[in-house]
Protein backbone atom coordinates (compact mmCIF):
# COMPACT_ATOMS: atom_id res chain seq x y z
CA MET A 1 -29.55 -62.87 42.11
CA TRP A 2 -31.32 -62.47 38.65
CA SER A 3 -34.30 -59.97 38.02
CA LYS A 4 -35.88 -58.74 35.01
CA THR A 5 -34.29 -55.17 33.73
CA ARG A 6 -35.15 -53.62 30.74
CA PHE A 7 -32.11 -52.50 28.59
CA ASP A 8 -33.48 -49.12 27.31
CA PRO A 9 -37.06 -47.68 26.14
CA PHE A 10 -38.31 -49.10 23.26
CA LEU A 11 -36.50 -48.49 19.40
CA MET A 12 -32.51 -48.58 19.46
CA ALA A 13 -32.28 -46.64 16.09
CA PHE A 14 -32.27 -49.33 12.74
CA ARG A 15 -28.88 -47.93 11.50
CA ALA A 16 -27.34 -48.02 15.20
CA ILE A 17 -28.18 -52.22 15.05
CA ALA A 18 -26.64 -52.43 11.47
CA LEU A 19 -23.56 -51.40 12.70
CA ALA A 20 -23.36 -54.10 14.56
CA LEU A 21 -23.16 -56.89 11.97
CA PRO A 22 -21.26 -56.54 8.64
CA LEU A 23 -23.26 -55.77 5.76
CA VAL A 24 -24.16 -54.19 2.27
CA THR A 25 -25.52 -50.17 1.96
CA GLY A 26 -27.26 -47.72 0.20
CA GLY A 27 -29.21 -50.35 -1.94
CA VAL A 28 -26.02 -51.13 -4.10
CA ALA A 29 -23.63 -54.01 -2.86
CA VAL A 30 -20.37 -53.27 -1.39
CA ALA A 31 -17.96 -55.71 -2.96
CA GLN A 32 -17.17 -58.69 -0.40
CA LYS A 33 -14.05 -60.84 -0.52
CA SER A 34 -16.26 -64.02 0.52
CA ALA A 35 -18.07 -65.57 -1.70
CA ARG A 36 -21.41 -65.76 0.77
CA PRO A 37 -23.46 -62.26 0.72
CA ALA A 38 -23.65 -60.70 4.06
CA ALA A 39 -27.20 -59.66 5.05
CA PRO A 40 -28.14 -56.23 3.77
CA THR A 41 -28.26 -53.42 6.16
CA LEU A 42 -31.45 -51.64 7.10
CA PRO A 43 -32.31 -48.73 5.09
CA SER A 44 -30.51 -45.58 5.31
CA THR A 45 -32.34 -41.92 6.44
CA ALA A 46 -30.29 -40.41 3.57
CA ALA A 47 -31.71 -36.40 3.11
CA PRO A 48 -34.38 -37.02 -0.28
CA ILE A 49 -33.23 -35.87 -3.56
CA ASN A 50 -34.95 -34.67 -6.71
CA ILE A 51 -34.33 -36.62 -9.93
CA ASP A 52 -35.86 -37.19 -13.17
CA VAL A 53 -38.20 -39.69 -11.74
CA ALA A 54 -38.85 -40.61 -15.93
CA ALA A 55 -35.63 -41.08 -17.07
CA THR A 56 -34.42 -43.10 -13.79
CA ARG A 57 -37.63 -45.40 -14.16
CA ALA A 58 -36.24 -45.86 -17.78
CA GLU A 59 -33.14 -46.66 -16.35
CA LEU A 60 -34.89 -49.25 -13.53
CA PHE A 61 -36.21 -50.67 -16.36
CA GLY A 62 -33.41 -50.82 -18.67
CA THR A 63 -31.24 -54.13 -19.43
CA ASP A 64 -28.11 -52.90 -17.68
CA SER A 65 -28.41 -54.14 -14.26
CA ALA A 66 -25.85 -52.20 -12.54
CA ARG A 67 -27.31 -48.73 -13.98
CA ALA A 68 -30.68 -50.24 -12.86
CA ALA A 69 -29.27 -50.88 -9.44
CA VAL A 70 -28.37 -47.36 -9.16
CA ALA A 71 -31.58 -46.02 -10.49
CA ALA A 72 -33.52 -48.36 -7.69
CA ALA A 73 -31.02 -46.31 -5.29
CA LYS A 74 -31.82 -42.73 -6.64
CA LEU A 75 -35.49 -43.87 -6.69
CA GLY A 76 -35.41 -44.97 -2.97
CA GLN A 77 -34.05 -41.36 -1.91
CA SER A 78 -36.70 -39.45 -3.80
CA ARG A 79 -39.65 -38.50 -2.72
CA GLN A 80 -41.17 -37.18 -5.65
CA PRO A 81 -44.52 -38.88 -7.52
CA GLY A 82 -44.07 -41.66 -9.42
CA ALA A 83 -40.65 -42.45 -7.51
CA LEU A 84 -42.27 -45.30 -5.09
CA ASP A 85 -44.53 -46.07 -8.09
CA ALA A 86 -41.98 -46.64 -10.69
CA LEU A 87 -40.07 -49.28 -7.68
CA LEU A 88 -43.29 -51.03 -7.21
CA ASP A 89 -44.36 -51.61 -10.94
CA GLY A 90 -40.83 -53.08 -11.77
CA LEU A 91 -40.89 -55.75 -8.42
CA ALA A 92 -44.53 -56.62 -9.45
CA MET A 93 -43.00 -57.32 -13.05
CA GLY A 94 -40.14 -59.21 -11.71
CA PHE A 95 -36.05 -58.35 -11.58
CA VAL A 96 -33.37 -60.31 -11.36
CA PRO A 97 -32.12 -60.40 -8.10
CA ALA A 98 -29.10 -58.19 -8.58
CA VAL A 99 -31.93 -55.62 -9.23
CA ALA A 100 -34.81 -56.83 -7.14
CA GLY A 101 -32.29 -56.21 -3.74
CA PRO A 102 -31.51 -52.68 -4.25
CA ALA A 103 -35.27 -51.87 -5.82
CA ILE A 104 -36.43 -53.63 -2.18
CA ASP A 105 -33.99 -51.27 -0.48
CA ALA A 106 -35.20 -48.67 -2.30
CA VAL A 107 -38.52 -48.78 -1.58
CA ALA A 108 -38.25 -49.84 2.50
CA GLU A 109 -36.82 -46.16 2.33
CA HIS A 110 -39.80 -44.64 1.66
CA ARG A 111 -41.41 -46.19 4.36
CA SER A 112 -44.97 -46.91 2.72
CA PRO A 113 -47.30 -49.24 4.04
CA VAL A 114 -48.83 -49.60 0.65
CA ALA A 115 -45.46 -51.60 -0.19
CA VAL A 116 -46.11 -54.40 2.41
CA ASP A 117 -48.03 -56.48 -0.50
CA VAL A 118 -44.81 -56.49 -3.19
CA LEU A 119 -42.37 -57.32 0.43
CA LEU A 120 -44.15 -60.24 1.25
CA HIS A 121 -44.40 -61.67 -2.06
CA TYR A 122 -40.23 -61.19 -2.16
CA ALA A 123 -40.03 -62.67 1.57
CA ARG A 124 -40.56 -65.86 -0.13
CA TYR A 125 -38.40 -65.41 -2.95
CA ARG A 126 -35.98 -68.01 -4.07
CA ASN A 127 -32.73 -66.14 -3.64
CA ALA A 128 -31.67 -65.41 -0.03
CA ASP A 129 -29.98 -62.13 -0.41
CA VAL A 130 -33.53 -61.05 -1.69
CA ARG A 131 -35.56 -62.63 0.87
CA ALA A 132 -33.14 -61.02 3.49
CA ARG A 133 -33.92 -57.71 2.38
CA ALA A 134 -37.74 -57.87 2.30
CA THR A 135 -37.31 -58.87 5.50
CA LEU A 136 -35.57 -56.10 7.11
CA ALA A 137 -37.89 -53.90 4.91
CA LEU A 138 -40.92 -55.33 6.38
CA GLY A 139 -39.11 -54.63 10.06
CA TYR A 140 -40.52 -51.14 9.72
CA SER A 141 -43.81 -51.97 9.02
CA ASP A 142 -46.48 -52.42 12.11
CA ASP A 143 -48.73 -54.18 9.46
CA LYS A 144 -49.64 -57.71 11.39
CA ARG A 145 -48.73 -59.23 8.20
CA ALA A 146 -45.66 -57.91 7.94
CA VAL A 147 -44.59 -58.53 11.74
CA ALA A 148 -45.48 -62.16 11.12
CA ALA A 149 -43.20 -62.19 8.09
CA TRP A 150 -40.54 -60.97 9.46
CA ARG A 151 -40.50 -63.26 12.95
CA ALA A 152 -41.52 -66.62 10.28
CA ALA A 153 -37.65 -65.58 8.90
CA PHE A 154 -36.19 -67.42 11.90
CA SER A 155 -36.91 -70.31 10.65
CA ASP A 156 -35.32 -69.66 7.22
CA GLY A 157 -33.00 -72.21 6.06
CA ASP A 158 -31.02 -69.32 4.80
CA GLY A 159 -28.21 -67.71 7.68
CA VAL A 160 -28.44 -64.66 5.85
CA VAL A 161 -32.45 -64.00 6.15
CA ARG A 162 -32.19 -65.30 9.86
CA ALA A 163 -29.73 -62.93 10.34
CA ALA A 164 -32.09 -60.08 8.87
CA ALA A 165 -34.92 -61.61 11.29
CA ALA A 166 -32.63 -60.66 14.03
CA LYS A 167 -31.41 -57.07 13.33
CA VAL A 168 -35.29 -56.63 13.27
CA ALA A 169 -36.13 -57.87 16.52
CA ALA A 170 -32.94 -55.96 17.90
CA ALA A 171 -34.20 -52.54 16.47
CA ARG A 172 -37.58 -53.39 17.53
CA GLN A 173 -36.54 -54.60 21.01
CA ASP A 174 -39.06 -57.26 20.41
CA VAL A 175 -39.10 -59.31 23.28
CA THR A 176 -41.54 -61.90 21.90
CA SER A 177 -38.32 -62.91 19.79
CA ILE A 178 -36.17 -63.48 22.64
CA GLU A 179 -36.97 -67.17 22.36
CA PRO A 180 -36.37 -67.58 18.84
CA LEU A 181 -33.20 -66.20 19.27
CA LEU A 182 -32.21 -67.99 22.47
CA VAL A 183 -32.52 -71.45 19.97
CA LEU A 184 -30.84 -69.64 17.11
CA LEU A 185 -28.26 -68.79 19.78
CA LYS A 186 -27.42 -72.57 20.93
CA LYS A 187 -27.28 -74.00 17.02
CA GLY A 188 -24.94 -71.45 16.49
CA ASP A 189 -26.07 -68.54 14.45
CA GLU A 190 -23.77 -65.54 14.44
CA ALA A 191 -26.51 -62.71 14.53
CA SER A 192 -28.55 -64.22 17.45
CA ALA A 193 -25.43 -63.09 19.90
CA VAL A 194 -25.67 -59.48 18.53
CA ALA A 195 -29.27 -59.19 19.45
CA LEU A 196 -29.68 -60.69 22.35
CA ALA A 197 -27.23 -58.38 23.64
CA ALA A 198 -28.61 -55.46 22.00
CA MET A 199 -31.67 -56.35 24.03
CA ALA A 200 -29.61 -57.09 27.19
CA SER A 201 -31.48 -57.27 30.52
CA ALA A 202 -30.12 -59.21 33.45
CA ASP A 203 -33.00 -62.19 32.11
CA ILE A 204 -31.53 -62.34 29.04
CA ALA A 205 -27.94 -62.81 30.33
CA ARG A 206 -29.45 -65.43 32.96
CA ARG A 207 -30.83 -67.14 29.92
CA VAL A 208 -27.67 -67.34 27.87
CA ALA A 209 -25.33 -68.17 30.25
CA GLU A 210 -27.87 -71.40 30.98
CA LEU A 211 -26.61 -72.17 27.84
CA ILE A 212 -22.85 -72.78 28.39
CA GLY A 213 -21.84 -75.84 27.25
CA GLU A 214 -24.53 -76.30 24.74
CA ALA A 215 -24.02 -73.35 22.44
CA PRO A 216 -21.14 -72.47 21.18
CA ASP A 217 -18.43 -71.01 23.59
CA ARG A 218 -17.77 -68.03 21.09
CA LEU A 219 -20.96 -66.59 20.70
CA VAL A 220 -22.22 -67.24 24.70
CA GLY A 221 -18.96 -65.36 25.59
CA GLU A 222 -19.54 -62.76 22.74
CA CYS A 223 -22.95 -62.04 24.06
CA LEU A 224 -22.39 -62.30 27.67
CA GLY A 225 -19.56 -59.90 27.32
CA ALA A 226 -21.75 -57.39 25.06
CA ILE A 227 -24.39 -57.41 27.92
CA LEU A 228 -21.94 -56.50 30.45
CA LEU A 229 -21.08 -53.57 29.02
CA SER A 230 -24.74 -52.20 28.96
CA PRO A 231 -25.05 -49.32 32.17
CA ASN A 232 -28.74 -50.22 32.74
CA LEU A 233 -29.27 -53.57 33.94
CA GLY A 234 -29.88 -52.75 37.21
CA LYS A 235 -28.18 -53.58 40.76
CA GLU A 236 -24.03 -54.28 40.87
CA GLU A 237 -25.49 -57.87 42.05
CA ILE A 238 -26.73 -58.65 38.48
CA TYR A 239 -23.23 -57.72 36.62
CA VAL A 240 -21.25 -59.63 39.53
CA GLU A 241 -23.42 -62.76 38.52
CA ILE A 242 -22.89 -62.13 34.33
CA VAL A 243 -18.94 -62.37 35.71
CA ARG A 244 -19.50 -65.22 37.35
CA ALA A 245 -20.91 -66.35 34.12
CA VAL A 246 -18.67 -65.29 31.72
CA GLY A 247 -16.01 -67.23 34.07
CA LYS A 248 -17.62 -70.56 33.54
CA ILE A 249 -16.83 -70.60 29.94
CA PRO A 250 -14.16 -72.62 29.13
CA GLY A 251 -11.15 -71.23 26.63
CA ASP A 252 -10.28 -68.36 25.73
CA GLU A 253 -13.84 -67.07 25.06
CA ALA A 254 -13.92 -65.94 28.78
CA VAL A 255 -10.44 -64.15 28.19
CA VAL A 256 -11.74 -61.47 26.13
CA ALA A 257 -15.20 -60.86 27.43
CA LEU A 258 -13.53 -60.07 30.76
CA THR A 259 -10.87 -58.37 29.05
CA GLY A 260 -13.58 -55.91 27.24
CA PHE A 261 -15.41 -55.47 30.66
CA ILE A 262 -12.67 -54.76 32.50
CA GLY A 263 -11.15 -52.09 29.79
CA ALA A 264 -14.32 -50.61 30.06
CA THR A 265 -15.08 -50.54 33.58
CA PRO A 266 -13.16 -47.20 35.40
CA GLU A 267 -11.36 -48.51 38.61
CA LYS A 268 -12.93 -45.87 40.57
CA PRO A 269 -15.89 -46.26 42.15
CA PRO A 270 -14.61 -49.81 43.17
CA ARG A 271 -17.07 -52.03 41.73
CA GLN A 272 -17.02 -56.12 43.23
CA SER A 273 -18.12 -57.13 39.18
CA ARG A 274 -14.71 -55.33 38.16
CA ARG A 275 -12.39 -57.02 40.93
CA GLU A 276 -13.94 -60.33 40.07
CA ALA A 277 -13.33 -59.63 36.66
CA GLN A 278 -9.69 -59.33 37.33
CA VAL A 279 -9.18 -61.88 39.39
CA LEU A 280 -10.70 -64.45 36.87
CA TYR A 281 -8.78 -62.52 34.02
CA GLU A 282 -5.37 -63.36 35.99
CA GLN A 283 -6.58 -66.94 36.66
CA ARG A 284 -6.95 -67.57 33.41
CA LEU A 285 -3.50 -65.50 32.10
CA GLY A 286 -1.76 -68.15 35.24
CA GLY A 287 -3.26 -71.54 33.89
CA ASP A 288 -5.79 -71.74 36.11
CA ASN A 289 -9.31 -72.83 34.55
């Protein structure tokens, strides 16, 4: 018994979505064990700071990339005259990726419509990490060009950029992104499961369940398991249907999802969905697949 039920009215704050995925913070990359860069975080909402804009601008344009990245972050946190201009001027002239990425994060902190043209340029940049940062920054804008650009990133050849687009879609609760996210889930894109779960609805759960056997079991299990934890899906019958769908996922993925739901759901008041989840869990542990 599936019916369309919205998860939450509009925007779950961008930073809340960012917590769901491993990223970099504050404009300056955190060291990663993997050589593969993770998608950047959405910009923060830190309190503005006062700086020497002229001196910080000089550091931004200097030859030391590390100092320039720090300067970019400071300019992003400042709302003083000239701070945003310094960032846009530098990006227009061109930075190495190690500085361009933090500079884009800093520009996004300003939430300014005048930055859209520069961000659109960097959304097509050769470096994937920089493209991903530009995609996230464009996610704050309602400019039609910006919206078209971050949606186009679903088709980017690099997973880190697609992950950025998925974060924007989840944060904006953009239902038009459901179709491309389902396509990405089927292909095995990690971020798609988190984004779809963030927009949790009975209809999305049904669509994800239809991909059992087509999409990677782990991602389907993670997605359905996360949707099960939403308290806003509607009637109990919806949760029962999702539990039964999880039970069709082969292997340990179903056990993980069922365990999470059972642990998060109180025994009282009694719920059919929890009872069925418990039965399926015990069957799996007993080897009855």
